């Protein structure tokens, strides 16, 4: 099975697992996905994650977050830049998600950053996805 957009695959797995109410979701590991997952954890969108080794690149297991009413911690998560249509922004054009309630995850020369971190570091980059 060829995977043209591993980030979109990760986001779709998260979205599907949450709508089905699953407590965890696994996805193949990559450095980029690991960075995205770290941001989701640091920003409080997921409970946590573990890295499992397998024969190939390893797997990421995410622990999804729900509140008392079983509402998912991630209300929405969407891919912005795709392999067919890359979306780049300068440091002054980084969009706000839901008036700052959500966040934009970018890949920048300084690594994978949230919109706030990128603004602070004064760097732009490719918009990977938006989460709220």
N, C-alpha and C. Protein backbone atom coordinates (compact mmCIF):
# COMPACT_ATOMS: atom_id res chain seq x y z
N UNK A 1 0.85 -1.19 0.00
CA UNK A 1 0.00 0.00 0.00
C UNK A 1 0.89 1.24 0.00
N UNK A 2 0.77 2.04 -1.02
CA UNK A 2 1.61 3.23 -1.05
C UNK A 2 0.93 4.35 -0.28
N UNK A 3 1.74 5.07 0.44
CA UNK A 3 1.20 6.15 1.26
C UNK A 3 1.72 7.47 0.70
N UNK A 4 0.84 8.24 0.10
CA UNK A 4 1.32 9.47 -0.50
C UNK A 4 1.40 10.59 0.52
N UNK A 5 0.57 10.54 1.56
CA UNK A 5 0.57 11.62 2.54
C UNK A 5 0.44 11.05 3.95
N UNK A 6 1.59 10.69 4.54
CA UNK A 6 1.55 10.06 5.88
C UNK A 6 0.96 10.96 6.97
N UNK A 7 1.12 12.28 6.83
CA UNK A 7 0.55 13.17 7.85
C UNK A 7 -0.98 13.14 7.77
N UNK A 8 -1.52 13.20 6.55
CA UNK A 8 -2.98 13.12 6.39
C UNK A 8 -3.49 11.79 6.94
N UNK A 9 -2.71 10.72 6.74
CA UNK A 9 -3.08 9.40 7.26
C UNK A 9 -3.16 9.44 8.78
N UNK A 10 -2.16 10.06 9.42
CA UNK A 10 -2.15 10.16 10.88
C UNK A 10 -3.37 10.93 11.37
N UNK A 11 -3.67 12.08 10.74
CA UNK A 11 -4.79 12.90 11.16
C UNK A 11 -6.11 12.16 10.99
N UNK A 12 -6.22 11.41 9.87
CA UNK A 12 -7.44 10.65 9.62
C UNK A 12 -7.61 9.55 10.66
N UNK A 13 -6.51 8.88 11.01
CA UNK A 13 -6.59 7.84 12.03
C UNK A 13 -7.08 8.42 13.36
N UNK A 14 -6.55 9.60 13.72
CA UNK A 14 -6.97 10.25 14.97
C UNK A 14 -8.45 10.60 14.91
N UNK A 15 -8.86 11.22 13.79
CA UNK A 15 -10.25 11.63 13.62
C UNK A 15 -11.19 10.42 13.72
N UNK A 16 -10.86 9.35 13.00
CA UNK A 16 -11.72 8.16 13.00
C UNK A 16 -11.79 7.51 14.38
N UNK A 17 -10.63 7.40 15.04
CA UNK A 17 -10.60 6.77 16.36
C UNK A 17 -11.44 7.57 17.35
N UNK A 18 -11.35 8.89 17.26
CA UNK A 18 -12.12 9.72 18.19
C UNK A 18 -13.61 9.63 17.92
N UNK A 19 -14.00 9.62 16.65
CA UNK A 19 -15.43 9.58 16.38
C UNK A 19 -16.00 8.22 16.78
N UNK A 20 -15.15 7.19 16.81
CA UNK A 20 -15.60 5.87 17.26
C UNK A 20 -15.43 5.70 18.76
N UNK A 21 -14.86 6.71 19.43
CA UNK A 21 -14.71 6.65 20.88
C UNK A 21 -13.59 5.74 21.36
N UNK A 22 -12.63 5.42 20.50
CA UNK A 22 -11.53 4.55 20.92
C UNK A 22 -10.59 5.29 21.87
N UNK A 23 -10.06 4.58 22.88
CA UNK A 23 -9.14 5.23 23.82
C UNK A 23 -7.74 5.45 23.23
N UNK A 24 -7.34 4.62 22.26
CA UNK A 24 -6.00 4.75 21.68
C UNK A 24 -6.09 4.61 20.17
N UNK A 25 -5.02 5.03 19.50
CA UNK A 25 -4.90 4.82 18.06
C UNK A 25 -3.42 4.64 17.77
N UNK A 26 -3.10 3.74 16.82
CA UNK A 26 -1.69 3.57 16.47
C UNK A 26 -1.48 3.98 15.02
N UNK A 27 -0.25 4.40 14.73
CA UNK A 27 0.12 4.80 13.38
C UNK A 27 1.59 4.50 13.20
N UNK A 28 2.02 4.30 11.95
CA UNK A 28 3.45 4.10 11.72
C UNK A 28 4.22 5.34 12.19
N UNK A 29 5.41 5.12 12.73
CA UNK A 29 6.21 6.21 13.27
C UNK A 29 7.05 6.85 12.18
N UNK A 30 7.17 8.16 12.24
CA UNK A 30 8.19 8.86 11.45
C UNK A 30 8.61 10.04 12.30
N UNK A 31 9.77 10.62 11.98
CA UNK A 31 10.24 11.76 12.78
C UNK A 31 9.24 12.90 12.76
N UNK A 32 8.70 13.19 11.55
CA UNK A 32 7.76 14.30 11.41
C UNK A 32 6.49 14.04 12.21
N UNK A 33 5.95 12.80 12.10
CA UNK A 33 4.74 12.47 12.84
C UNK A 33 4.98 12.56 14.34
N UNK A 34 6.17 12.12 14.78
CA UNK A 34 6.51 12.19 16.20
C UNK A 34 6.48 13.64 16.67
N UNK A 35 7.02 14.56 15.86
CA UNK A 35 7.03 15.98 16.24
C UNK A 35 5.60 16.53 16.33
N UNK A 36 4.75 16.13 15.39
CA UNK A 36 3.35 16.59 15.41
C UNK A 36 2.66 16.06 16.67
N UNK A 37 2.90 14.78 16.97
CA UNK A 37 2.27 14.15 18.14
C UNK A 37 2.75 14.82 19.44
N UNK A 38 4.04 15.17 19.49
CA UNK A 38 4.57 15.86 20.69
C UNK A 38 3.83 17.18 20.91
N UNK A 39 3.57 17.91 19.81
CA UNK A 39 2.86 19.18 19.93
C UNK A 39 1.43 18.94 20.42
N UNK A 40 0.76 17.92 19.86
CA UNK A 40 -0.61 17.61 20.30
C UNK A 40 -0.62 17.32 21.80
N UNK A 41 0.40 16.61 22.28
CA UNK A 41 0.48 16.30 23.71
C UNK A 41 0.75 17.56 24.52
N UNK A 42 1.76 18.35 24.11
CA UNK A 42 2.13 19.55 24.85
C UNK A 42 1.01 20.57 24.91
N UNK A 43 0.18 20.61 23.86
CA UNK A 43 -0.90 21.58 23.81
C UNK A 43 -2.18 21.03 24.42
N UNK A 44 -2.13 19.80 24.94
CA UNK A 44 -3.27 19.25 25.66
C UNK A 44 -4.36 18.63 24.80
N UNK A 45 -4.06 18.33 23.53
CA UNK A 45 -5.09 17.73 22.68
C UNK A 45 -5.18 16.22 22.84
N UNK A 46 -4.08 15.58 23.28
CA UNK A 46 -4.12 14.14 23.57
C UNK A 46 -3.49 13.92 24.95
N UNK A 47 -3.81 12.75 25.55
CA UNK A 47 -3.28 12.43 26.88
C UNK A 47 -1.78 12.16 26.82
N UNK A 48 -1.36 11.44 25.78
CA UNK A 48 0.05 11.10 25.70
C UNK A 48 0.28 10.14 24.55
N UNK A 49 1.49 9.61 24.49
CA UNK A 49 1.83 8.68 23.42
C UNK A 49 3.00 7.82 23.86
N UNK A 50 3.15 6.67 23.24
CA UNK A 50 4.34 5.85 23.43
C UNK A 50 4.85 5.43 22.06
N UNK A 51 6.15 5.19 21.99
CA UNK A 51 6.73 4.69 20.75
C UNK A 51 6.97 3.20 20.91
N UNK A 52 6.45 2.41 19.98
CA UNK A 52 6.68 0.98 20.00
C UNK A 52 7.58 0.62 18.84
N UNK A 53 8.56 -0.24 19.11
CA UNK A 53 9.43 -0.68 18.03
C UNK A 53 8.78 -1.86 17.33
N UNK A 54 8.85 -1.89 16.00
CA UNK A 54 8.51 -3.12 15.31
C UNK A 54 9.63 -3.37 14.31
N UNK A 55 9.43 -4.28 13.38
CA UNK A 55 10.53 -4.65 12.49
C UNK A 55 10.93 -3.52 11.55
N UNK A 56 10.03 -2.59 11.28
CA UNK A 56 10.37 -1.53 10.35
C UNK A 56 10.63 -0.21 11.09
N UNK A 57 9.80 0.78 10.84
CA UNK A 57 10.13 2.10 11.38
C UNK A 57 9.60 2.32 12.79
N UNK A 58 8.85 1.35 13.32
CA UNK A 58 8.28 1.55 14.64
C UNK A 58 6.87 2.10 14.53
N UNK A 59 6.15 2.15 15.64
CA UNK A 59 4.78 2.64 15.62
C UNK A 59 4.60 3.64 16.76
N UNK A 60 3.66 4.55 16.55
CA UNK A 60 3.28 5.49 17.60
C UNK A 60 1.92 5.06 18.11
N UNK A 61 1.78 5.01 19.41
CA UNK A 61 0.47 4.72 20.00
C UNK A 61 0.04 5.97 20.76
N UNK A 62 -1.08 6.56 20.32
CA UNK A 62 -1.56 7.79 20.96
C UNK A 62 -2.68 7.46 21.92
N UNK A 63 -2.67 8.12 23.06
CA UNK A 63 -3.75 7.97 24.03
C UNK A 63 -4.65 9.19 23.87
N UNK A 64 -5.84 8.96 23.37
CA UNK A 64 -6.74 10.07 23.06
C UNK A 64 -7.38 10.61 24.33
N UNK A 65 -7.83 11.84 24.24
CA UNK A 65 -8.34 12.53 25.41
C UNK A 65 -9.82 12.81 25.23
N UNK A 66 -10.60 12.52 26.25
CA UNK A 66 -12.03 12.83 26.24
C UNK A 66 -12.36 13.51 27.55
N UNK A 67 -13.34 14.42 27.53
CA UNK A 67 -13.74 15.02 28.80
C UNK A 67 -14.85 14.16 29.42
N UNK A 68 -15.41 14.64 30.52
CA UNK A 68 -16.39 13.83 31.26
C UNK A 68 -17.60 13.47 30.41
N UNK A 69 -17.97 14.33 29.47
CA UNK A 69 -19.12 14.05 28.61
C UNK A 69 -18.71 13.24 27.38
N UNK A 70 -17.53 12.64 27.44
CA UNK A 70 -16.98 11.85 26.32
C UNK A 70 -16.81 12.68 25.05
N UNK A 71 -16.65 13.99 25.22
CA UNK A 71 -16.36 14.82 24.05
C UNK A 71 -14.86 14.69 23.78
N UNK A 72 -14.53 14.54 22.51
CA UNK A 72 -13.14 14.35 22.14
C UNK A 72 -12.31 15.60 22.45
N UNK A 73 -11.05 15.40 22.84
CA UNK A 73 -10.15 16.52 23.11
C UNK A 73 -9.86 17.31 21.85
N UNK A 74 -9.90 16.62 20.71
CA UNK A 74 -9.69 17.29 19.43
C UNK A 74 -11.04 17.45 18.75
N UNK A 75 -11.51 18.69 18.64
CA UNK A 75 -12.81 18.95 18.00
C UNK A 75 -12.68 18.85 16.49
N UNK A 76 -11.55 19.33 15.99
CA UNK A 76 -11.32 19.28 14.57
C UNK A 76 -9.84 19.24 14.29
N UNK A 77 -9.46 18.51 13.26
CA UNK A 77 -8.05 18.45 12.88
C UNK A 77 -8.04 18.30 11.36
N UNK A 78 -7.34 19.21 10.69
CA UNK A 78 -7.37 19.13 9.24
C UNK A 78 -6.02 19.42 8.62
N UNK A 79 -5.76 18.73 7.52
CA UNK A 79 -4.52 18.89 6.77
C UNK A 79 -4.64 20.19 5.99
N UNK A 80 -3.58 20.96 5.94
CA UNK A 80 -3.60 22.19 5.14
C UNK A 80 -2.73 22.00 3.91
N UNK A 81 -1.44 21.78 4.11
CA UNK A 81 -0.52 21.59 3.00
C UNK A 81 -0.56 20.12 2.59
N UNK A 82 -0.63 19.84 1.31
CA UNK A 82 -0.64 18.45 0.86
C UNK A 82 0.52 18.26 -0.11
N UNK A 83 0.88 16.99 -0.39
CA UNK A 83 1.99 16.78 -1.34
C UNK A 83 1.69 17.43 -2.69
N UNK A 84 0.41 17.53 -3.08
CA UNK A 84 0.08 18.14 -4.36
C UNK A 84 -0.06 19.64 -4.30
N UNK A 85 -0.27 20.18 -3.11
CA UNK A 85 -0.49 21.62 -2.99
C UNK A 85 0.11 22.09 -1.68
N UNK A 86 1.37 22.44 -1.75
CA UNK A 86 2.08 22.88 -0.55
C UNK A 86 1.64 24.29 -0.18
N UNK A 87 1.50 24.53 1.11
CA UNK A 87 1.07 25.86 1.58
C UNK A 87 2.15 26.40 2.50
N UNK A 88 2.81 27.47 2.05
CA UNK A 88 3.87 28.10 2.84
C UNK A 88 3.42 29.48 3.28
N UNK A 89 3.84 29.89 4.46
CA UNK A 89 3.55 31.24 4.93
C UNK A 89 4.82 31.87 5.48
N UNK A 90 4.87 33.18 5.37
CA UNK A 90 5.95 33.92 5.99
C UNK A 90 5.63 34.12 7.47
N UNK A 91 6.61 34.60 8.23
CA UNK A 91 6.40 34.73 9.67
C UNK A 91 5.25 35.67 10.02
N UNK A 92 4.92 36.61 9.12
CA UNK A 92 3.85 37.56 9.42
C UNK A 92 2.49 37.12 8.90
N UNK A 93 2.44 35.99 8.21
CA UNK A 93 1.16 35.56 7.62
C UNK A 93 0.61 34.31 8.30
N UNK A 94 1.19 33.91 9.43
CA UNK A 94 0.75 32.67 10.08
C UNK A 94 -0.69 32.86 10.58
N UNK A 95 -1.61 32.04 10.08
CA UNK A 95 -3.02 32.24 10.43
C UNK A 95 -3.35 31.78 11.85
N UNK A 96 -4.33 32.44 12.44
CA UNK A 96 -4.83 32.03 13.75
C UNK A 96 -5.98 31.05 13.54
N UNK A 97 -6.07 30.06 14.39
CA UNK A 97 -7.16 29.09 14.28
C UNK A 97 -8.16 29.38 15.40
N UNK A 98 -9.42 29.55 15.01
CA UNK A 98 -10.49 29.79 15.99
C UNK A 98 -10.11 30.86 17.02
N UNK A 99 -9.65 32.01 16.52
CA UNK A 99 -9.25 33.12 17.40
C UNK A 99 -8.26 32.71 18.47
N UNK A 100 -7.35 31.83 18.11
CA UNK A 100 -6.32 31.44 19.06
C UNK A 100 -6.70 30.25 19.93
N UNK A 101 -7.94 29.76 19.80
CA UNK A 101 -8.35 28.59 20.59
C UNK A 101 -7.73 27.32 20.01
N UNK A 102 -7.54 27.33 18.68
CA UNK A 102 -6.90 26.18 18.06
C UNK A 102 -5.46 26.54 17.75
N UNK A 103 -4.78 25.67 17.04
CA UNK A 103 -3.43 26.01 16.67
C UNK A 103 -3.09 25.48 15.29
N UNK A 104 -2.10 26.14 14.70
CA UNK A 104 -1.57 25.73 13.41
C UNK A 104 -0.23 25.07 13.69
N UNK A 105 0.03 23.93 13.07
CA UNK A 105 1.32 23.27 13.23
C UNK A 105 2.08 23.45 11.92
N UNK A 106 3.28 24.01 12.03
CA UNK A 106 4.08 24.28 10.84
C UNK A 106 5.41 23.54 10.92
N UNK A 107 5.96 23.24 9.76
CA UNK A 107 7.33 22.76 9.73
C UNK A 107 8.18 23.92 9.24
N UNK A 108 9.17 24.31 10.05
CA UNK A 108 9.96 25.51 9.80
C UNK A 108 11.44 25.14 9.80
N UNK A 109 12.30 26.09 9.44
CA UNK A 109 13.74 25.82 9.53
C UNK A 109 14.17 25.48 10.97
N UNK A 110 13.38 25.89 11.96
CA UNK A 110 13.71 25.59 13.36
C UNK A 110 13.05 24.30 13.84
N UNK A 111 12.45 23.54 12.93
CA UNK A 111 11.78 22.31 13.34
C UNK A 111 10.27 22.49 13.26
N UNK A 112 9.55 21.52 13.80
CA UNK A 112 8.09 21.55 13.78
C UNK A 112 7.62 22.40 14.96
N UNK A 113 6.87 23.46 14.66
CA UNK A 113 6.46 24.42 15.70
C UNK A 113 4.97 24.71 15.62
N UNK A 114 4.43 25.21 16.73
CA UNK A 114 3.06 25.72 16.70
C UNK A 114 3.11 27.14 16.13
N UNK A 115 1.93 27.67 15.79
CA UNK A 115 1.87 29.03 15.25
C UNK A 115 2.50 30.03 16.23
N UNK A 116 2.22 29.86 17.53
CA UNK A 116 2.77 30.80 18.52
C UNK A 116 4.29 30.70 18.59
N UNK A 117 4.81 29.47 18.60
CA UNK A 117 6.27 29.28 18.67
C UNK A 117 6.95 29.87 17.45
N UNK A 118 6.32 29.66 16.27
CA UNK A 118 6.92 30.16 15.03
C UNK A 118 6.94 31.69 15.02
N UNK A 119 5.85 32.30 15.49
CA UNK A 119 5.80 33.77 15.54
C UNK A 119 6.89 34.29 16.47
N UNK A 120 7.03 33.61 17.63
CA UNK A 120 8.03 34.03 18.61
C UNK A 120 9.43 33.87 18.04
N UNK A 121 9.66 32.78 17.33
CA UNK A 121 10.98 32.53 16.75
C UNK A 121 11.21 33.38 15.51
N UNK A 122 10.13 34.01 15.01
CA UNK A 122 10.25 34.84 13.82
C UNK A 122 10.51 34.05 12.55
N UNK A 123 9.89 32.86 12.46
CA UNK A 123 10.07 32.06 11.24
C UNK A 123 8.72 31.68 10.66
N UNK A 124 8.70 31.53 9.34
CA UNK A 124 7.53 31.00 8.66
C UNK A 124 7.84 29.57 8.27
N UNK A 125 6.97 28.98 7.44
CA UNK A 125 7.24 27.62 7.00
C UNK A 125 6.05 27.03 6.33
N UNK A 126 6.04 25.70 6.24
CA UNK A 126 4.93 25.01 5.59
C UNK A 126 3.88 24.66 6.64
N UNK A 127 2.63 24.98 6.35
CA UNK A 127 1.55 24.67 7.29
C UNK A 127 1.18 23.20 7.14
N UNK A 128 1.44 22.41 8.17
CA UNK A 128 1.10 20.99 8.12
C UNK A 128 -0.39 20.79 8.35
N UNK A 129 -0.88 21.34 9.46
CA UNK A 129 -2.30 21.09 9.78
C UNK A 129 -2.79 22.11 10.80
N UNK A 130 -4.11 22.10 10.99
CA UNK A 130 -4.75 22.95 12.00
C UNK A 130 -5.52 22.04 12.94
N UNK A 131 -5.48 22.38 14.21
CA UNK A 131 -6.16 21.59 15.24
C UNK A 131 -6.96 22.52 16.13
N UNK A 132 -8.16 22.11 16.49
CA UNK A 132 -8.94 22.88 17.46
C UNK A 132 -9.83 21.97 18.26
